[in-house]
Amino acid sequence: MGAQDAQDTAGRLRAISGELSDRFYERADVVRTLVVALLAGQHSLVLGPPGTAKSEMARELTGRIDGAAYWEILLSKFTAPTRMFGPIDVAALARGEYRQVFEGRATTAHVAFIDEIFKCSTAALNETLGYLNERIYHPESGGRPITCPLIGAITASNELPGGEDAAAIYDRLLVRIEVGYLADPSNFAALVRSAVSRPAAPVRTTVSLAALQHAVTEAVPAVDVPDVIVDAVCTLRAALRRRELVASDRRWRQSVRLLQASAFLDGRPAVAETDLSVLTHVLWDSPAERPAVEREVLQLVNPDAKEALDLADAIGELEAQLDSMAGQSREALSEWVIKEAHNKLAKAGKRLEKLREEAAGAGRSTAAIDRVVVRQRAVHARVLTEALGMDASMVQARL
């Protein structure tokens, strides 16, 4: 495949990201990050409570790869390794032969979705680690290990790992993405409407398995990593260490391929500082560490990010005030909105628009600012619906 074919693959993956972002509200960054992880040949974890579309997003994304063998499983503490990698062939056993049936299992899958990954049974732990780490499986009957064609696995969990066994798996998931329930009331209203309306047939872009495999093995590794990016990564590592946020050397090294995948997805031949933003999903262990990592990454990536993050802090304070006023009279809430909340949120929204224009005009990524914009709109909508009693459709038109 030539450069034109690689550009076509990148364009198709961008289209897939856009289509999924339109379908799954408030998930644009999640979808893009999952695509980048696949392009890098890495595994990802989607962490969040039940009912946040984790499984549906994973299925919809992996279903866009034409010709790929797909495998999915919901793990429990009692899941046997043979259920994951291949059951015993009963007919062969009756003839005195001991062998497994691998077709349709993890062993033959190009892409995989593993739900409740941290509930992996002790019996299946070593095989699962070998599968994720080295793409190999050791058959029950012994003999040479089987090389699995896995490009990448998307995993999901409702909770953080508990115990050493689960922690070993957690360490092997390079990309970690938090998801929550919809924050913007207007998006929630659209979600409710979608349950009762008959949607139009969605546009459904796909990419071939061969094209994706070529991108993963040839095109993405060929993306240039300039010295200025190496210097930026070293600067980021030092900044995080000052905050006592330490990632392993292996994790840093694997992150380079994510940077290359991000640049490839955007159609660029070299990694740029904007690609460093994907590291906000890599360099933390507990969700409590994520905001600090995000701040350090984004301040390095984008000079507009510091002000945007400061605005995010102010918006968060207003949301906390709204939460603390639960149970107060409508009059008290209305007074607070009129005197304080509405003006502050409106000013924050205008400033974010200006920051976004400046960043876009300078060719810098607007992803960080866009996330703060989503937060601002969500909090503003909450204020108008919960404190002033406006309905969601009016709020959507007003914002």
Protein backbone atom coordinates (compact mmCIF):
# COMPACT_ATOMS: atom_id res chain seq x y z
CA MET A 1 0.00 0.00 0.00
CA GLY A 2 1.24 3.49 -0.86
CA ALA A 3 0.96 6.89 0.77
CA GLN A 4 -2.39 7.50 -0.90
CA ASP A 5 -3.78 4.27 0.54
CA ALA A 6 -2.54 5.27 4.01
CA GLN A 7 -4.25 8.64 3.67
CA ASP A 8 -7.46 6.88 2.65
CA THR A 9 -7.25 4.66 5.74
CA ALA A 10 -6.71 7.68 7.99
CA GLY A 11 -9.62 9.47 6.33
CA ARG A 12 -11.92 6.49 6.85
CA LEU A 13 -10.95 6.23 10.51
CA ARG A 14 -11.60 9.96 10.97
CA ALA A 15 -15.02 9.49 9.39
CA ILE A 16 -15.74 6.55 11.70
CA SER A 17 -14.71 8.66 14.70
CA GLY A 18 -17.01 11.45 13.58
CA GLU A 19 -19.97 9.15 13.04
CA LEU A 20 -19.58 7.53 16.44
CA SER A 21 -19.11 10.91 18.12
CA ASP A 22 -22.42 12.04 16.61
CA ARG A 23 -24.15 8.89 17.83
CA PHE A 24 -22.71 8.80 21.36
CA TYR A 25 -23.22 12.12 23.12
CA GLU A 26 -20.25 13.62 24.99
CA ARG A 27 -17.95 10.83 23.81
CA ALA A 28 -15.90 12.46 21.00
CA ASP A 29 -12.61 12.33 22.90
CA VAL A 30 -13.33 8.77 24.10
CA VAL A 31 -13.99 7.54 20.56
CA ARG A 32 -10.90 9.23 19.11
CA THR A 33 -8.71 7.81 21.87
CA LEU A 34 -10.03 4.28 21.26
CA VAL A 35 -9.22 4.62 17.54
CA VAL A 36 -5.72 5.91 18.33
CA ALA A 37 -5.14 2.97 20.68
CA LEU A 38 -6.14 0.48 17.96
CA LEU A 39 -3.84 2.19 15.46
CA ALA A 40 -1.02 1.91 17.96
CA GLY A 41 -1.74 -1.79 18.47
CA GLN A 42 -2.41 -1.14 22.15
CA HIS A 43 -5.14 -2.18 24.57
CA SER A 44 -7.52 0.26 26.21
CA LEU A 45 -9.71 0.35 29.30
CA VAL A 46 -13.03 2.21 29.46
CA LEU A 47 -13.74 2.82 33.13
CA GLY A 48 -17.14 3.99 34.31
CA PRO A 49 -20.46 3.10 35.94
CA PRO A 50 -23.02 0.78 34.32
CA GLY A 51 -25.20 2.28 31.61
CA THR A 52 -22.62 4.64 30.07
CA ALA A 53 -22.54 2.94 26.63
CA LYS A 54 -19.12 1.33 27.15
CA SER A 55 -20.09 -1.96 25.50
CA GLU A 56 -22.11 -0.34 22.73
CA MET A 57 -19.27 2.00 21.77
CA ALA A 58 -16.78 -0.85 21.66
CA ARG A 59 -19.05 -3.02 19.50
CA GLU A 60 -19.87 -0.19 17.13
CA LEU A 61 -16.21 0.71 16.64
CA THR A 62 -14.91 -2.83 16.20
CA GLY A 63 -17.83 -3.62 13.91
CA ARG A 64 -16.53 -1.06 11.41
CA ILE A 65 -13.50 -3.21 10.52
CA ASP A 66 -14.45 -5.26 7.44
CA GLY A 67 -13.05 -8.78 7.42
CA ALA A 68 -11.90 -8.78 11.03
CA ALA A 69 -12.63 -11.69 13.35
CA TYR A 70 -14.32 -10.24 16.43
CA TRP A 71 -14.52 -11.82 19.87
CA GLU A 72 -16.39 -10.61 22.93
CA ILE A 73 -16.78 -11.95 26.45
CA LEU A 74 -18.17 -10.91 29.83
CA LEU A 75 -15.76 -12.23 32.45
CA SER A 76 -16.51 -13.53 35.92
CA LYS A 77 -14.45 -15.09 38.68
CA PHE A 78 -15.53 -18.50 37.35
CA THR A 79 -14.68 -18.04 33.66
CA ALA A 80 -12.53 -20.99 32.56
CA PRO A 81 -9.56 -20.43 30.23
CA THR A 82 -11.06 -22.85 27.70
CA ARG A 83 -14.18 -20.66 27.39
CA MET A 84 -11.94 -17.78 26.39
CA PHE A 85 -9.36 -19.49 24.21
CA GLY A 86 -11.00 -22.67 22.94
CA PRO A 87 -13.24 -25.42 24.35
CA ILE A 88 -12.27 -29.06 24.25
CA ASP A 89 -13.35 -30.83 21.04
CA VAL A 90 -15.77 -33.42 22.48
CA ALA A 91 -15.98 -35.44 19.24
CA ALA A 92 -12.21 -35.73 19.08
CA LEU A 93 -12.07 -36.64 22.76
CA ALA A 94 -14.44 -39.56 22.06
CA ARG A 95 -11.86 -40.81 19.57
CA GLY A 96 -9.13 -40.53 22.17
CA GLU A 97 -7.73 -37.24 20.86
CA TYR A 98 -7.33 -34.22 23.15
CA ARG A 99 -7.60 -30.96 21.25
CA GLN A 100 -9.31 -27.58 21.43
CA VAL A 101 -11.60 -25.72 19.04
CA PHE A 102 -10.06 -22.28 18.57
CA GLU A 103 -12.35 -20.83 15.90
CA GLY A 104 -14.54 -18.00 17.19
CA ARG A 105 -12.50 -17.56 20.37
CA ALA A 106 -9.88 -15.08 21.55
CA THR A 107 -7.20 -17.19 19.90
CA THR A 108 -8.33 -16.27 16.36
CA ALA A 109 -9.66 -12.73 16.95
CA HIS A 110 -8.25 -9.59 15.31
CA VAL A 111 -10.17 -7.30 17.65
CA ALA A 112 -11.66 -8.09 21.03
CA PHE A 113 -13.96 -6.59 23.63
CA ILE A 114 -13.49 -7.91 27.16
CA ASP A 115 -16.12 -6.70 29.60
CA GLU A 116 -15.49 -6.71 33.37
CA ILE A 117 -11.84 -7.37 32.67
CA PHE A 118 -10.83 -7.24 36.35
CA LYS A 119 -13.11 -10.16 37.20
CA CYS A 120 -10.78 -12.46 35.29
CA SER A 121 -10.54 -15.77 37.13
CA THR A 122 -7.31 -16.83 38.79
CA ALA A 123 -7.27 -19.89 36.53
CA ALA A 124 -7.33 -17.71 33.41
CA LEU A 125 -4.99 -14.97 34.66
CA ASN A 126 -1.70 -16.18 33.21
CA GLU A 127 -3.23 -17.01 29.84
CA THR A 128 -4.96 -13.61 29.72
CA LEU A 129 -1.71 -11.80 30.53
CA GLY A 130 0.11 -13.76 27.84
CA TYR A 131 -2.66 -12.96 25.39
CA LEU A 132 -2.54 -9.22 26.12
CA ASN A 133 1.23 -8.91 26.50
CA GLU A 134 2.60 -11.18 23.80
CA ARG A 135 -0.43 -12.20 21.72
CA ILE A 136 0.19 -15.87 22.46
CA TYR A 137 -1.82 -18.74 23.94
CA HIS A 138 -0.45 -21.95 25.42
CA PRO A 139 -2.79 -24.84 24.49
CA GLU A 140 -4.22 -27.00 27.26
CA SER A 141 -2.59 -30.06 25.72
CA GLY A 142 0.85 -28.47 25.78
CA GLY A 143 3.04 -28.02 22.76
CA ARG A 144 4.13 -24.84 21.04
CA PRO A 145 2.29 -21.61 21.90
CA ILE A 146 -0.18 -20.28 19.36
CA THR A 147 0.43 -16.81 17.95
CA CYS A 148 -2.83 -14.83 18.06
CA PRO A 149 -3.64 -12.19 15.39
CA LEU A 150 -4.98 -9.68 17.95
CA ILE A 151 -4.48 -6.03 16.90
CA GLY A 152 -5.86 -4.59 20.11
CA ALA A 153 -8.40 -5.23 22.83
CA ILE A 154 -10.94 -2.79 24.20
CA THR A 155 -11.71 -3.67 27.80
CA ALA A 156 -14.28 -2.25 30.19
CA SER A 157 -14.95 -2.18 33.91
CA ASN A 158 -17.35 -0.56 36.35
CA GLU A 159 -14.66 -0.33 39.02
CA LEU A 160 -10.93 -0.15 39.61
CA PRO A 161 -9.00 -3.39 40.09
CA GLY A 162 -8.77 -4.95 43.52
CA GLY A 163 -6.02 -7.40 44.40
CA GLU A 164 -2.69 -8.25 42.80
CA ASP A 165 -4.14 -10.39 40.00
CA ALA A 166 -6.35 -7.62 38.66
CA ALA A 167 -3.57 -5.06 39.16
CA ALA A 168 -1.32 -7.13 36.86
CA ILE A 169 -3.91 -6.84 34.08
CA TYR A 170 -4.51 -3.13 34.79
CA ASP A 171 -0.80 -2.45 34.33
CA ARG A 172 -0.94 -3.93 30.81
CA LEU A 173 -3.76 -1.63 29.63
CA LEU A 174 -1.87 1.35 28.26
CA VAL A 175 -4.86 3.61 27.57
CA ARG A 176 -7.31 4.33 30.41
CA ILE A 177 -10.43 6.37 29.72
CA GLU A 178 -12.98 7.52 32.28
CA VAL A 179 -16.63 7.89 31.26
CA GLY A 180 -19.59 9.12 33.25
CA TYR A 181 -23.28 9.77 32.78
CA LEU A 182 -24.34 12.56 30.44
CA ALA A 183 -23.72 15.96 32.00
CA ASP A 184 -25.56 18.28 29.60
CA PRO A 185 -29.35 18.19 30.14
CA SER A 186 -29.95 18.95 26.45
CA ASN A 187 -27.91 15.88 25.48
CA PHE A 188 -29.90 13.84 27.99
CA ALA A 189 -33.13 15.13 26.45
CA ALA A 190 -31.88 14.11 23.00
CA LEU A 191 -31.03 10.66 24.39
CA VAL A 192 -34.58 10.27 25.72
CA ARG A 193 -36.05 11.39 22.38
CA SER A 194 -33.92 8.84 20.55
CA ALA A 195 -35.63 6.07 22.52
CA VAL A 196 -39.04 6.93 21.06
CA SER A 197 -38.19 8.28 17.61
CA ARG A 198 -37.33 6.30 14.51
CA PRO A 199 -33.78 7.35 13.58
CA ALA A 200 -32.69 7.70 9.98
CA ALA A 201 -30.38 5.01 8.68
CA PRO A 202 -26.95 6.11 9.90
CA VAL A 203 -24.01 6.69 7.58
CA ARG A 204 -21.67 3.77 8.25
CA THR A 205 -18.09 4.15 7.09
CA THR A 206 -15.89 1.06 7.35
CA VAL A 207 -12.20 0.26 6.96
CA SER A 208 -10.80 -3.04 5.71
CA LEU A 209 -8.84 -5.34 8.00
CA ALA A 210 -5.89 -5.30 5.58
CA ALA A 211 -5.80 -1.49 5.56
CA LEU A 212 -5.91 -1.32 9.35
CA GLN A 213 -3.18 -3.96 9.72
CA HIS A 214 -0.97 -2.07 7.26
CA ALA A 215 -1.50 1.14 9.21
CA VAL A 216 -0.62 -0.54 12.50
CA THR A 217 2.48 -2.37 11.27
CA GLU A 218 3.83 -0.01 8.59
CA ALA A 219 2.28 3.45 8.28
CA VAL A 220 2.04 4.43 11.97
CA PRO A 221 5.61 3.34 12.86
CA ALA A 222 6.83 5.39 9.87
CA VAL A 223 5.47 8.66 11.33
CA ASP A 224 8.40 10.90 12.29
CA VAL A 225 9.03 11.83 15.92
CA PRO A 226 11.02 15.13 15.89
CA ASP A 227 13.58 15.95 18.57
CA VAL A 228 11.34 18.73 19.86
CA ILE A 229 8.73 16.09 20.78
CA VAL A 230 11.33 13.96 22.56
CA ASP A 231 12.34 17.06 24.53
CA ALA A 232 8.68 17.80 25.35
CA VAL A 233 8.15 14.25 26.63
CA CYS A 234 11.24 14.59 28.85
CA THR A 235 9.93 17.92 30.16
CA LEU A 236 6.54 16.35 30.89
CA ARG A 237 8.12 13.42 32.73
CA ALA A 238 10.09 15.82 34.95
CA ALA A 239 6.99 17.92 35.67
CA LEU A 240 4.97 14.84 36.67
CA ARG A 241 7.77 13.52 38.86
CA ARG A 242 7.77 16.82 40.75
CA ARG A 243 4.13 16.05 41.54
CA GLU A 244 5.10 12.49 42.56
CA LEU A 245 3.29 11.07 39.54
CA VAL A 246 5.64 8.39 38.24
CA ALA A 247 4.96 6.16 35.23
CA SER A 248 7.14 3.20 34.28
CA ASP A 249 9.76 3.43 31.54
CA ARG A 250 7.79 0.78 29.62
CA ARG A 251 4.65 2.94 29.69
CA TRP A 252 6.56 5.99 28.43
CA ARG A 253 8.15 3.97 25.63
CA GLN A 254 4.83 2.48 24.52
CA SER A 255 3.32 5.97 24.54
CA VAL A 256 5.49 6.99 21.60
CA ARG A 257 3.48 4.73 19.29
CA LEU A 258 0.29 6.43 20.53
CA LEU A 259 1.74 9.81 19.54
CA GLN A 260 2.55 8.43 16.08
CA ALA A 261 -0.97 6.97 15.78
CA SER A 262 -2.52 10.31 16.73
CA ALA A 263 -0.54 12.10 14.03
CA PHE A 264 -1.41 9.41 11.46
CA LEU A 265 -5.11 9.70 12.27
CA ASP A 266 -4.94 13.44 11.60
CA GLY A 267 -3.13 12.84 8.31
CA ARG A 268 0.23 14.29 9.39
CA PRO A 269 3.67 12.80 8.57
CA ALA A 270 5.23 13.81 11.90
CA VAL A 271 4.18 14.00 15.54
CA ALA A 272 3.31 17.50 16.75
CA GLU A 273 2.86 18.89 20.25
CA THR A 274 -0.91 18.62 19.86
CA ASP A 275 -0.57 14.81 19.82
CA LEU A 276 0.75 14.85 23.39
CA SER A 277 -2.81 15.39 24.61
CA VAL A 278 -3.48 11.63 24.23
CA LEU A 279 -1.10 11.11 27.17
CA THR A 280 -3.80 12.40 29.52
CA HIS A 281 -5.26 8.88 29.19
CA VAL A 282 -1.96 7.08 29.84
CA LEU A 283 0.05 8.56 32.70
CA TRP A 284 -2.24 8.09 35.71
CA ASP A 285 -2.98 5.10 37.90
CA SER A 286 -5.98 6.27 39.93
CA PRO A 287 -8.73 8.58 38.65
CA ALA A 288 -7.77 11.03 41.42
CA GLU A 289 -4.45 11.57 39.63
CA ARG A 290 -5.98 12.25 36.23
CA PRO A 291 -6.74 15.99 36.67
CA ALA A 292 -3.13 16.71 37.69
CA VAL A 293 -1.81 14.72 34.73
CA GLU A 294 -4.21 16.48 32.38
CA ARG A 295 -3.14 19.90 33.61
CA GLU A 296 0.56 19.17 33.13
CA VAL A 297 0.01 17.65 29.68
CA LEU A 298 -2.24 20.38 28.39
CA GLN A 299 -0.13 23.24 29.70
CA LEU A 300 2.77 21.76 27.76
CA VAL A 301 0.73 21.11 24.63
CA ASN A 302 -1.17 24.32 24.33
CA PRO A 303 -0.60 27.83 25.69
CA ASP A 304 -4.36 28.36 25.65
CA ALA A 305 -4.91 25.35 27.91
CA LYS A 306 -3.91 26.96 31.21
CA GLU A 307 -6.62 29.61 30.98
CA ALA A 308 -9.13 27.04 29.78
CA LEU A 309 -8.30 24.80 32.76
CA ASP A 310 -8.58 27.76 35.14
CA LEU A 311 -12.03 28.42 33.68
CA ALA A 312 -12.85 24.73 34.17
CA ASP A 313 -11.95 25.07 37.86
CA ALA A 314 -14.24 28.10 38.21
CA ILE A 315 -17.04 26.24 36.43
CA GLY A 316 -16.54 23.30 38.78
CA GLU A 317 -16.88 25.60 41.79
CA LEU A 318 -20.21 26.89 40.46
CA GLU A 319 -21.45 23.33 39.95
CA ALA A 320 -20.43 22.48 43.51
CA GLN A 321 -22.40 25.52 44.72
CA LEU A 322 -25.44 24.32 42.80
CA ASP A 323 -25.14 20.88 44.40
CA SER A 324 -24.83 22.42 47.87
CA MET A 325 -28.03 24.42 47.34
CA ALA A 326 -30.19 21.34 46.83
CA GLY A 327 -33.44 21.69 48.73
CA GLN A 328 -33.44 25.49 48.83
CA SER A 329 -36.41 27.47 47.61
CA ARG A 330 -36.84 28.40 43.95
CA GLU A 331 -36.57 32.07 45.00
CA ALA A 332 -33.15 31.54 46.59
CA LEU A 333 -31.93 29.58 43.59
CA SER A 334 -33.21 32.22 41.17
CA GLU A 335 -31.46 34.97 43.09
CA TRP A 336 -28.16 33.06 43.00
CA VAL A 337 -28.49 32.47 39.25
CA ILE A 338 -29.32 36.11 38.49
CA LYS A 339 -26.65 37.63 40.75
CA GLU A 340 -23.82 35.18 40.19
CA ALA A 341 -24.02 31.95 38.25
CA HIS A 342 -25.54 32.99 34.92
CA ASN A 343 -23.15 35.91 34.29
CA LYS A 344 -20.06 33.94 35.29
CA LEU A 345 -21.00 31.01 33.08
CA ALA A 346 -21.89 33.25 30.14
CA LYS A 347 -18.55 35.08 30.42
CA ALA A 348 -16.71 31.78 30.66
CA GLY A 349 -18.47 30.56 27.53
CA LYS A 350 -17.52 33.68 25.55
CA ARG A 351 -13.90 33.48 26.69
CA LEU A 352 -13.71 29.81 25.75
CA GLU A 353 -15.05 30.65 22.28
CA LYS A 354 -12.30 33.25 21.92
CA LEU A 355 -9.62 30.83 23.11
CA ARG A 356 -10.88 28.24 20.66
CA GLU A 357 -10.74 30.70 17.76
CA GLU A 358 -7.18 31.69 18.66
CA ALA A 359 -6.04 28.08 18.98
CA ALA A 360 -7.67 27.04 15.70
CA GLY A 361 -6.22 30.09 13.93
CA ALA A 362 -2.74 29.15 15.12
CA GLY A 363 -3.17 25.54 14.01
CA ARG A 364 -3.19 24.20 17.56
CA SER A 365 -5.45 21.45 18.82
CA THR A 366 -8.75 22.61 20.31
CA ALA A 367 -9.47 19.26 22.01
CA ALA A 368 -8.68 20.51 25.53
CA ILE A 369 -10.73 23.67 25.09
CA ASP A 370 -13.58 21.68 23.55
CA ARG A 371 -13.75 19.50 26.67
CA VAL A 372 -14.05 22.59 28.87
CA VAL A 373 -16.71 23.99 26.51
CA VAL A 374 -18.73 20.79 26.98
CA ARG A 375 -18.38 21.19 30.75
CA GLN A 376 -19.41 24.85 30.62
CA ARG A 377 -22.48 24.08 28.53
CA ALA A 378 -23.44 21.21 30.79
CA VAL A 379 -23.18 23.25 34.00
CA HIS A 380 -24.93 26.23 32.41
CA ALA A 381 -27.75 23.95 31.28
CA ARG A 382 -28.01 22.43 34.77
CA VAL A 383 -28.27 25.89 36.29
CA LEU A 384 -31.03 26.93 33.90
CA THR A 385 -33.04 23.70 34.21
CA GLU A 386 -32.59 22.94 37.91
CA ALA A 387 -32.45 26.45 39.35
CA LEU A 388 -34.75 28.35 36.98
CA GLY A 389 -37.00 25.48 35.92
CA MET A 390 -36.47 25.94 32.17
CA ASP A 391 -37.13 22.86 30.06
CA ALA A 392 -34.27 21.19 28.21
CA SER A 393 -35.42 22.15 24.70
CA MET A 394 -35.49 25.84 25.65
CA VAL A 395 -32.05 25.55 27.18
CA GLN A 396 -30.65 23.85 24.06
CA ALA A 397 -31.94 26.68 21.87
CA ARG A 398 -30.62 29.33 24.26
CA LEU A 399 -27.12 27.85 24.51
